[in-house]
Amino acid sequence: MIQVEHLTKTYRISRREGGLLQAIKALGRRETQSVRALDDISFHISDGEIVGYIGPNGAGKSSTIKILSGILVPDSGVCRVNGRVPWKERKRHVAEIGVVFGQRSQLWWDVPVTDSFALLRDIYRVDEARYRKNVEELTELLDLGELLRTPARQLSLGQRMRCEIAASLLHDPKVLFLDEPTIGLDAVSKLAVRSFIRERNRTHGTTVLLTTHDMQDIAALAGRILLIGHGKILMDGTFDDVRAMDPGAESLDALAAALYQRYGV
């Protein structure tokens, strides 16, 4: 389903000191620094798996998701999702994936959510019968109800995230990329999102790649964990493998801290 072989991605980042004089100097000679976000990473994910992709800020998680979804092009390496190279076959590729970025929105800000859904239906060319069926199912499972009639800007973060997840699934994607979907959510909203992801995976066989800093998300959902740090895959195992590293950890946050410390990230 997802094959990643030796992916590398480097960014050029501008640096300068603060102040007007430094800004003027930067007009003529700008200092830049190369940052390797991904450094020869490889992994495979099978159909129907839920995989947790974890690591500290700046480890390369979002860069990986953006390459897998066709937004970024890597410097080198091979990547195939459903047999397609994402950045070379974007139209056919995006028809079979769903993407949710916790800090980005695909909903139009000033119109009711149902209007955003209708526009996405046209973009993905979903036939009317299939669209109505999916909206009814997603509305029930995610408890959307009156939220569909509300402009996105008037929704709470938890309400908006439930609508974002529904929007990403209107076209029945085979693969779902979730980049920190529970960031900033309260406990009730997190439970609702986790329950929905499990149910979607069980009933539709949807493959899920989940990035998160919340180890409770990982414990509740992921059958497998990939740890990335300094742009490299440092571990590929199960939650039980992680738990065995520090059986006496008092909390999941403490367990995550022990895991990062062990691998030096």
C-alpha atoms as a PDB file:
ATOM      1  CA  MET A   1       0.000   0.000   0.000  1.00  0.00           C
ATOM      2  CA  ILE A   2       2.677   2.550   1.062  1.00  0.00           C
ATOM      3  CA  GLN A   3       6.279   1.982   0.021  1.00  0.00           C
ATOM      4  CA  VAL A   4       9.003   4.443   0.993  1.00  0.00           C
ATOM      5  CA  GLU A   5      12.587   3.790  -0.088  1.00  0.00           C
ATOM      6  CA  HIS A   6      15.544   6.044   0.755  1.00  0.00           C
ATOM      7  CA  LEU A   7      13.631   9.349   0.829  1.00  0.00           C
ATOM      8  CA  THR A   8      15.714  12.479   1.378  1.00  0.00           C
ATOM      9  CA  LYS A   9      14.491  16.070   1.711  1.00  0.00           C
ATOM     10  CA  THR A  10      16.587  19.167   2.447  1.00  0.00           C
ATOM     11  CA  TYR A  11      15.396  22.725   3.077  1.00  0.00           C
ATOM     12  CA  ARG A  12      17.315  25.990   2.684  1.00  0.00           C
ATOM     13  CA  ILE A  13      16.544  28.305   5.594  1.00  0.00           C
ATOM     14  CA  SER A  14      17.459  32.013   5.763  1.00  0.00           C
ATOM     15  CA  ARG A  15      19.067  33.346   8.936  1.00  0.00           C
ATOM     16  CA  ARG A  16      19.833  36.880  10.107  1.00  0.00           C
ATOM     17  CA  GLU A  17      20.101  38.903  13.293  1.00  0.00           C
ATOM     18  CA  GLY A  18      17.283  41.262  14.261  1.00  0.00           C
ATOM     19  CA  GLY A  19      17.298  44.989  13.540  1.00  0.00           C
ATOM     20  CA  LEU A  20      17.049  47.366  10.594  1.00  0.00           C
ATOM     21  CA  LEU A  21      20.759  47.344   9.776  1.00  0.00           C
ATOM     22  CA  GLN A  22      20.854  43.570   9.581  1.00  0.00           C
ATOM     23  CA  ALA A  23      17.747  43.605   7.391  1.00  0.00           C
ATOM     24  CA  ILE A  24      19.430  45.999   4.950  1.00  0.00           C
ATOM     25  CA  LYS A  25      22.601  43.874   4.870  1.00  0.00           C
ATOM     26  CA  ALA A  26      20.500  40.772   4.147  1.00  0.00           C
ATOM     27  CA  LEU A  27      19.195  42.421   0.957  1.00  0.00           C
ATOM     28  CA  GLY A  28      22.654  42.087  -0.580  1.00  0.00           C
ATOM     29  CA  ARG A  29      23.987  38.964   1.099  1.00  0.00           C
ATOM     30  CA  ARG A  30      21.659  36.523   2.780  1.00  0.00           C
ATOM     31  CA  GLU A  31      22.937  33.863   5.146  1.00  0.00           C
ATOM     32  CA  THR A  32      21.342  30.475   4.550  1.00  0.00           C
ATOM     33  CA  GLN A  33      21.566  27.107   6.238  1.00  0.00           C
ATOM     34  CA  SER A  34      20.750  23.645   4.904  1.00  0.00           C
ATOM     35  CA  VAL A  35      18.490  21.535   7.114  1.00  0.00           C
ATOM     36  CA  ARG A  36      17.992  17.868   6.231  1.00  0.00           C
ATOM     37  CA  ALA A  37      14.408  17.089   7.216  1.00  0.00           C
ATOM     38  CA  LEU A  38      14.517  13.506   5.889  1.00  0.00           C
ATOM     39  CA  ASP A  39      17.739  11.535   5.703  1.00  0.00           C
ATOM     40  CA  ASP A  40      17.434   8.305   3.701  1.00  0.00           C
ATOM     41  CA  ILE A  41      14.249   6.970   5.339  1.00  0.00           C
ATOM     42  CA  SER A  42      12.571   3.707   4.309  1.00  0.00           C
ATOM     43  CA  PHE A  43       9.441   1.888   5.505  1.00  0.00           C
ATOM     44  CA  HIS A  44       6.480  -0.127   4.187  1.00  0.00           C
ATOM     45  CA  ILE A  45       2.865   0.018   5.390  1.00  0.00           C
ATOM     46  CA  SER A  46       0.386  -2.723   4.452  1.00  0.00           C
ATOM     47  CA  ASP A  47      -3.299  -2.414   3.576  1.00  0.00           C
ATOM     48  CA  GLY A  48      -5.526  -1.779   6.588  1.00  0.00           C
ATOM     49  CA  GLU A  49      -2.746  -0.923   9.054  1.00  0.00           C
ATOM     50  CA  ILE A  50      -2.951   1.939  11.545  1.00  0.00           C
ATOM     51  CA  VAL A  51       0.600   3.199  12.054  1.00  0.00           C
ATOM     52  CA  GLY A  52       1.651   5.829  14.577  1.00  0.00           C
ATOM     53  CA  TYR A  53       4.404   8.114  13.272  1.00  0.00           C
ATOM     54  CA  ILE A  54       6.004   9.815  16.246  1.00  0.00           C
ATOM     55  CA  GLY A  55       8.957  12.025  17.028  1.00  0.00           C
ATOM     56  CA  PRO A  56       9.831  15.455  18.451  1.00  0.00           C
ATOM     57  CA  ASN A  57       9.106  18.763  16.708  1.00  0.00           C
ATOM     58  CA  GLY A  58      11.213  19.159  13.581  1.00  0.00           C
ATOM     59  CA  ALA A  59      11.889  15.418  13.287  1.00  0.00           C
ATOM     60  CA  GLY A  60      10.458  15.176   9.750  1.00  0.00           C
ATOM     61  CA  LYS A  61       6.925  13.870  10.350  1.00  0.00           C
ATOM     62  CA  SER A  62       5.027  16.561   8.457  1.00  0.00           C
ATOM     63  CA  SER A  63       7.570  16.549   5.622  1.00  0.00           C
ATOM     64  CA  THR A  64       6.942  12.828   5.183  1.00  0.00           C
ATOM     65  CA  ILE A  65       3.164  13.327   5.124  1.00  0.00           C
ATOM     66  CA  LYS A  66       3.484  16.134   2.573  1.00  0.00           C
ATOM     67  CA  ILE A  67       5.621  13.972   0.286  1.00  0.00           C
ATOM     68  CA  LEU A  68       3.229  11.016   0.620  1.00  0.00           C
ATOM     69  CA  SER A  69       0.284  13.274  -0.217  1.00  0.00           C
ATOM     70  CA  GLY A  70       2.045  14.811  -3.243  1.00  0.00           C
ATOM     71  CA  ILE A  71       2.498  18.318  -1.837  1.00  0.00           C
ATOM     72  CA  LEU A  72       6.312  18.138  -1.692  1.00  0.00           C
ATOM     73  CA  VAL A  73       8.850  16.554  -4.017  1.00  0.00           C
ATOM     74  CA  PRO A  74      11.796  14.801  -2.320  1.00  0.00           C
ATOM     75  CA  ASP A  75      15.414  15.414  -3.276  1.00  0.00           C
ATOM     76  CA  SER A  76      15.909  11.698  -3.873  1.00  0.00           C
ATOM     77  CA  GLY A  77      14.355   8.339  -3.149  1.00  0.00           C
ATOM     78  CA  VAL A  78      11.272   6.400  -4.221  1.00  0.00           C
ATOM     79  CA  CYS A  79       7.758   6.594  -2.803  1.00  0.00           C
ATOM     80  CA  ARG A  80       4.601   4.809  -3.945  1.00  0.00           C
ATOM     81  CA  VAL A  81       1.100   4.961  -2.483  1.00  0.00           C
ATOM     82  CA  ASN A  82      -1.422   2.573  -4.051  1.00  0.00           C
ATOM     83  CA  GLY A  83       1.194   1.905  -6.717  1.00  0.00           C
ATOM     84  CA  ARG A  84       1.496   5.580  -7.702  1.00  0.00           C
ATOM     85  CA  VAL A  85       4.257   8.145  -7.272  1.00  0.00           C
ATOM     86  CA  PRO A  86       2.386  10.962  -5.445  1.00  0.00           C
ATOM     87  CA  TRP A  87       4.054  14.009  -7.001  1.00  0.00           C
ATOM     88  CA  LYS A  88       4.006  12.567 -10.546  1.00  0.00           C
ATOM     89  CA  GLU A  89       0.400  11.318 -10.652  1.00  0.00           C
ATOM     90  CA  ARG A  90      -1.273  13.854  -8.405  1.00  0.00           C
ATOM     91  CA  LYS A  91      -4.797  13.851  -9.830  1.00  0.00           C
ATOM     92  CA  ARG A  92      -5.261  10.100  -9.646  1.00  0.00           C
ATOM     93  CA  HIS A  93      -3.332   9.933  -6.378  1.00  0.00           C
ATOM     94  CA  VAL A  94      -5.410  12.478  -4.447  1.00  0.00           C
ATOM     95  CA  ALA A  95      -8.613  10.738  -5.531  1.00  0.00           C
ATOM     96  CA  GLU A  96      -7.620   7.805  -3.317  1.00  0.00           C
ATOM     97  CA  ILE A  97      -6.220   9.557  -0.236  1.00  0.00           C
ATOM     98  CA  GLY A  98      -7.596  11.735   2.540  1.00  0.00           C
ATOM     99  CA  VAL A  99      -5.430  14.225   4.442  1.00  0.00           C
ATOM    100  CA  VAL A 100      -6.076  16.109   7.682  1.00  0.00           C
ATOM    101  CA  PHE A 101      -3.572  18.664   8.965  1.00  0.00           C
ATOM    102  CA  GLY A 102      -4.374  19.629  12.557  1.00  0.00           C
ATOM    103  CA  GLN A 103      -3.198  23.206  12.000  1.00  0.00           C
ATOM    104  CA  ARG A 104      -4.625  23.694   8.488  1.00  0.00           C
ATOM    105  CA  SER A 105      -8.210  23.725   7.226  1.00  0.00           C
ATOM    106  CA  GLN A 106      -9.868  22.513   4.034  1.00  0.00           C
ATOM    107  CA  LEU A 107     -13.184  24.094   5.043  1.00  0.00           C
ATOM    108  CA  TRP A 108     -14.185  27.479   3.660  1.00  0.00           C
ATOM    109  CA  TRP A 109     -14.171  29.871   6.599  1.00  0.00           C
ATOM    110  CA  ASP A 110     -17.332  31.948   6.095  1.00  0.00           C
ATOM    111  CA  VAL A 111     -19.804  29.414   4.686  1.00  0.00           C
ATOM    112  CA  PRO A 112     -21.696  26.558   6.355  1.00  0.00           C
ATOM    113  CA  VAL A 113     -19.790  23.288   6.517  1.00  0.00           C
ATOM    114  CA  THR A 114     -22.334  21.636   4.218  1.00  0.00           C
ATOM    115  CA  ASP A 115     -21.367  24.080   1.437  1.00  0.00           C
ATOM    116  CA  SER A 116     -17.703  23.116   1.847  1.00  0.00           C
ATOM    117  CA  PHE A 117     -18.726  19.458   1.629  1.00  0.00           C
ATOM    118  CA  ALA A 118     -20.694  20.132  -1.569  1.00  0.00           C
ATOM    119  CA  LEU A 119     -17.692  21.836  -3.158  1.00  0.00           C
ATOM    120  CA  LEU A 120     -15.432  18.926  -2.191  1.00  0.00           C
ATOM    121  CA  ARG A 121     -18.013  16.569  -3.724  1.00  0.00           C
ATOM    122  CA  ASP A 122     -17.645  18.414  -7.032  1.00  0.00           C
ATOM    123  CA  ILE A 123     -13.836  18.514  -6.798  1.00  0.00           C
ATOM    124  CA  TYR A 124     -13.635  14.753  -6.237  1.00  0.00           C
ATOM    125  CA  ARG A 125     -16.531  14.053  -8.646  1.00  0.00           C
ATOM    126  CA  VAL A 126     -18.461  11.971  -6.125  1.00  0.00           C
ATOM    127  CA  ASP A 127     -21.855  10.897  -7.491  1.00  0.00           C
ATOM    128  CA  GLU A 128     -24.910  12.188  -5.619  1.00  0.00           C
ATOM    129  CA  ALA A 129     -26.077   8.853  -4.160  1.00  0.00           C
ATOM    130  CA  ARG A 130     -22.635   7.983  -2.835  1.00  0.00           C
ATOM    131  CA  TYR A 131     -22.195  11.504  -1.467  1.00  0.00           C
ATOM    132  CA  ARG A 132     -25.507  11.432   0.440  1.00  0.00           C
ATOM    133  CA  LYS A 133     -24.686   8.001   1.880  1.00  0.00           C
ATOM    134  CA  ASN A 134     -21.239   9.122   3.046  1.00  0.00           C
ATOM    135  CA  VAL A 135     -22.525  12.365   4.583  1.00  0.00           C
ATOM    136  CA  GLU A 136     -25.224  10.481   6.500  1.00  0.00           C
ATOM    137  CA  GLU A 137     -22.733   7.909   7.773  1.00  0.00           C
ATOM    138  CA  LEU A 138     -20.102  10.488   8.743  1.00  0.00           C
ATOM    139  CA  THR A 139     -22.692  12.751  10.380  1.00  0.00           C
ATOM    140  CA  GLU A 140     -23.879   9.893  12.581  1.00  0.00           C
ATOM    141  CA  LEU A 141     -20.445   8.551  13.503  1.00  0.00           C
ATOM    142  CA  LEU A 142     -18.883  11.965  14.177  1.00  0.00           C
ATOM    143  CA  ASP A 143     -22.029  13.526  15.674  1.00  0.00           C
ATOM    144  CA  LEU A 144     -22.010  16.457  13.265  1.00  0.00           C
ATOM    145  CA  GLY A 145     -25.747  17.286  13.301  1.00  0.00           C
ATOM    146  CA  GLU A 146     -26.235  21.053  13.406  1.00  0.00           C
ATOM    147  CA  LEU A 147     -22.526  21.622  12.790  1.00  0.00           C
ATOM    148  CA  LEU A 148     -23.160  21.136   9.077  1.00  0.00           C
ATOM    149  CA  ARG A 149     -25.280  24.293   9.018  1.00  0.00           C
ATOM    150  CA  THR A 150     -22.669  26.371  10.873  1.00  0.00           C
ATOM    151  CA  PRO A 151     -19.874  28.449   9.256  1.00  0.00           C
ATOM    152  CA  ALA A 152     -16.444  26.972   9.980  1.00  0.00           C
ATOM    153  CA  ARG A 153     -15.292  30.167  11.712  1.00  0.00           C
ATOM    154  CA  GLN A 154     -17.992  29.743  14.370  1.00  0.00           C
ATOM    155  CA  LEU A 155     -17.016  26.182  15.303  1.00  0.00           C
ATOM    156  CA  SER A 156     -14.890  25.269  18.291  1.00  0.00           C
ATOM    157  CA  LEU A 157     -11.590  23.534  17.563  1.00  0.00           C
ATOM    158  CA  GLY A 158     -13.002  20.122  18.454  1.00  0.00           C
ATOM    159  CA  GLN A 159     -16.098  20.652  16.306  1.00  0.00           C
ATOM    160  CA  ARG A 160     -14.007  21.850  13.373  1.00  0.00           C
ATOM    161  CA  MET A 161     -11.652  18.865  13.586  1.00  0.00           C
ATOM    162  CA  ARG A 162     -14.580  16.446  13.420  1.00  0.00           C
ATOM    163  CA  CYS A 163     -15.786  18.258  10.298  1.00  0.00           C
ATOM    164  CA  GLU A 164     -12.257  18.230   8.832  1.00  0.00           C
ATOM    165  CA  ILE A 165     -12.029  14.461   9.251  1.00  0.00           C
ATOM    166  CA  ALA A 166     -15.441  14.014   7.640  1.00  0.00           C
ATOM    167  CA  ALA A 167     -14.404  16.264   4.730  1.00  0.00           C
ATOM    168  CA  SER A 168     -11.325  14.111   4.108  1.00  0.00           C
ATOM    169  CA  LEU A 169     -13.458  10.960   3.825  1.00  0.00           C
ATOM    170  CA  LEU A 170     -16.309  12.113   1.562  1.00  0.00           C
ATOM    171  CA  HIS A 171     -14.715  10.393  -1.462  1.00  0.00           C
ATOM    172  CA  ASP A 172     -13.982   7.056   0.314  1.00  0.00           C
ATOM    173  CA  PRO A 173     -10.174   7.242   0.257  1.00  0.00           C
ATOM    174  CA  LYS A 174      -8.162   4.049   0.685  1.00  0.00           C
ATOM    175  CA  VAL A 175      -5.491   5.837   2.728  1.00  0.00           C
ATOM    176  CA  LEU A 176      -5.927   8.483   5.413  1.00  0.00           C
ATOM    177  CA  PHE A 177      -3.034  10.713   6.505  1.00  0.00           C
ATOM    178  CA  LEU A 178      -3.662  12.376   9.875  1.00  0.00           C
ATOM    179  CA  ASP A 179      -1.125  15.016  10.913  1.00  0.00           C
ATOM    180  CA  GLU A 180      -1.792  15.799  14.612  1.00  0.00           C
ATOM    181  CA  PRO A 181      -5.595  15.547  14.296  1.00  0.00           C
ATOM    182  CA  THR A 182      -6.183  15.797  18.086  1.00  0.00           C
ATOM    183  CA  ILE A 183      -3.945  18.811  18.745  1.00  0.00           C
ATOM    184  CA  GLY A 184      -5.640  21.178  21.187  1.00  0.00           C
ATOM    185  CA  LEU A 185      -8.758  19.006  21.602  1.00  0.00           C
ATOM    186  CA  ASP A 186     -10.439  18.371  24.940  1.00  0.00           C
ATOM    187  CA  ALA A 187     -10.695  14.847  26.367  1.00  0.00           C
ATOM    188  CA  VAL A 188     -14.220  14.213  25.049  1.00  0.00           C
ATOM    189  CA  SER A 189     -13.347  15.316  21.515  1.00  0.00           C
ATOM    190  CA  LYS A 190     -10.192  13.177  21.516  1.00  0.00           C
ATOM    191  CA  LEU A 191     -12.178  10.115  22.533  1.00  0.00           C
ATOM    192  CA  ALA A 192     -14.705  10.778  19.744  1.00  0.00           C
ATOM    193  CA  VAL A 193     -11.986  11.134  17.112  1.00  0.00           C
ATOM    194  CA  ARG A 194     -10.151   7.994  18.261  1.00  0.00           C
ATOM    195  CA  SER A 195     -13.357   5.968  18.309  1.00  0.00           C
ATOM    196  CA  PHE A 196     -14.210   7.099  14.789  1.00  0.00           C
ATOM    197  CA  ILE A 197     -10.754   6.261  13.383  1.00  0.00           C
ATOM    198  CA  ARG A 198     -10.941   2.755  14.856  1.00  0.00           C
ATOM    199  CA  GLU A 199     -14.428   2.221  13.443  1.00  0.00           C
ATOM    200  CA  ARG A 200     -13.473   3.519   9.999  1.00  0.00           C
ATOM    201  CA  ASN A 201     -10.484   1.216   9.900  1.00  0.00           C
ATOM    202  CA  ARG A 202     -12.596  -1.764  11.009  1.00  0.00           C
ATOM    203  CA  THR A 203     -15.511  -1.244   8.624  1.00  0.00           C
ATOM    204  CA  HIS A 204     -13.751   0.139   5.540  1.00  0.00           C
ATOM    205  CA  GLY A 205     -10.234  -1.251   5.919  1.00  0.00           C
ATOM    206  CA  THR A 206      -8.833   2.275   5.613  1.00  0.00           C
ATOM    207  CA  THR A 207      -5.062   2.464   5.998  1.00  0.00           C
ATOM    208  CA  VAL A 208      -4.123   5.208   8.483  1.00  0.00           C
ATOM    209  CA  LEU A 209      -0.801   6.976   9.046  1.00  0.00           C
ATOM    210  CA  LEU A 210      -1.111   9.075  12.200  1.00  0.00           C
ATOM    211  CA  THR A 211       1.398  11.661  13.429  1.00  0.00           C
ATOM    212  CA  THR A 212       0.898  12.880  16.969  1.00  0.00           C
ATOM    213  CA  HIS A 213       2.623  13.984  20.168  1.00  0.00           C
ATOM    214  CA  ASP A 214      -0.120  12.380  22.256  1.00  0.00           C
ATOM    215  CA  MET A 215       0.929   8.875  23.309  1.00  0.00           C
ATOM    216  CA  GLN A 216      -2.680   8.165  24.316  1.00  0.00           C
ATOM    217  CA  ASP A 217      -3.574   8.424  20.610  1.00  0.00           C
ATOM    218  CA  ILE A 218      -0.859   5.895  19.859  1.00  0.00           C
ATOM    219  CA  ALA A 219      -1.886   3.527  22.652  1.00  0.00           C
ATOM    220  CA  ALA A 220      -5.549   3.665  21.583  1.00  0.00           C
ATOM    221  CA  LEU A 221      -5.086   3.349  17.833  1.00  0.00           C
ATOM    222  CA  ALA A 222      -1.739   2.237  16.491  1.00  0.00           C
ATOM    223  CA  GLY A 223      -0.825  -1.402  16.057  1.00  0.00           C
ATOM    224  CA  ARG A 224       2.626  -0.309  14.944  1.00  0.00           C
ATOM    225  CA  ILE A 225       4.903   2.637  15.736  1.00  0.00           C
ATOM    226  CA  LEU A 226       7.538   4.371  13.628  1.00  0.00           C
ATOM    227  CA  LEU A 227       9.874   6.705  15.536  1.00  0.00           C
ATOM    228  CA  ILE A 228      11.635   9.398  13.511  1.00  0.00           C
ATOM    229  CA  GLY A 229      14.361  11.667  14.820  1.00  0.00           C
ATOM    230  CA  HIS A 230      16.971  13.855  13.114  1.00  0.00           C
ATOM    231  CA  GLY A 231      15.350  12.866   9.828  1.00  0.00           C
ATOM    232  CA  LYS A 232      15.994   9.138  10.312  1.00  0.00           C
ATOM    233  CA  ILE A 233      13.749   6.194  11.201  1.00  0.00           C
ATOM    234  CA  LEU A 234      15.051   5.123  14.610  1.00  0.00           C
ATOM    235  CA  MET A 235      12.529   2.452  15.562  1.00  0.00           C
ATOM    236  CA  ASP A 236       9.857   0.300  13.939  1.00  0.00           C
ATOM    237  CA  GLY A 237       7.870  -1.752  16.438  1.00  0.00           C
ATOM    238  CA  THR A 238       4.705  -2.118  18.507  1.00  0.00           C
ATOM    239  CA  PHE A 239       3.435  -0.215  21.522  1.00  0.00           C
ATOM    240  CA  ASP A 240       4.373  -3.234  23.631  1.00  0.00           C
ATOM    241  CA  ASP A 241       7.952  -2.829  22.397  1.00  0.00           C
ATOM    242  CA  VAL A 242       7.888   0.770  23.589  1.00  0.00           C
ATOM    243  CA  ARG A 243       6.342  -0.177  26.928  1.00  0.00           C
ATOM    244  CA  ALA A 244       9.068  -2.783  27.480  1.00  0.00           C
ATOM    245  CA  MET A 245      11.708  -0.043  27.304  1.00  0.00           C
ATOM    246  CA  ASP A 246      10.445   1.446  30.574  1.00  0.00           C
ATOM    247  CA  PRO A 247       7.936  -0.874  32.302  1.00  0.00           C
ATOM    248  CA  GLY A 248       7.887   1.376  35.368  1.00  0.00           C
ATOM    249  CA  ALA A 249       6.887   4.572  33.555  1.00  0.00           C
ATOM    250  CA  GLU A 250       4.226   6.372  35.607  1.00  0.00           C
ATOM    251  CA  SER A 251       2.449   7.839  32.591  1.00  0.00           C
ATOM    252  CA  LEU A 252       2.384   7.687  28.808  1.00  0.00           C
ATOM    253  CA  ASP A 253       4.132  11.069  28.667  1.00  0.00           C
ATOM    254  CA  ALA A 254       6.917   9.663  30.848  1.00  0.00           C
ATOM    255  CA  LEU A 255       7.103   6.649  28.543  1.00  0.00           C
ATOM    256  CA  ALA A 256       7.463   8.926  25.513  1.00  0.00           C
ATOM    257  CA  ALA A 257      10.202  10.891  27.274  1.00  0.00           C
ATOM    258  CA  ALA A 258      12.064   7.662  28.048  1.00  0.00           C
ATOM    259  CA  LEU A 259      11.721   6.551  24.422  1.00  0.00           C
ATOM    260  CA  TYR A 260      13.081   9.843  23.058  1.00  0.00           C
ATOM    261  CA  GLN A 261      15.922   9.820  25.574  1.00  0.00           C
ATOM    262  CA  ARG A 262      16.924   6.288  24.618  1.00  0.00           C
ATOM    263  CA  TYR A 263      17.236   7.220  20.959  1.00  0.00           C
ATOM    264  CA  GLY A 264      18.750  10.648  21.611  1.00  0.00           C
ATOM    265  CA  VAL A 265      15.992  12.786  20.138  1.00  0.00           C
END
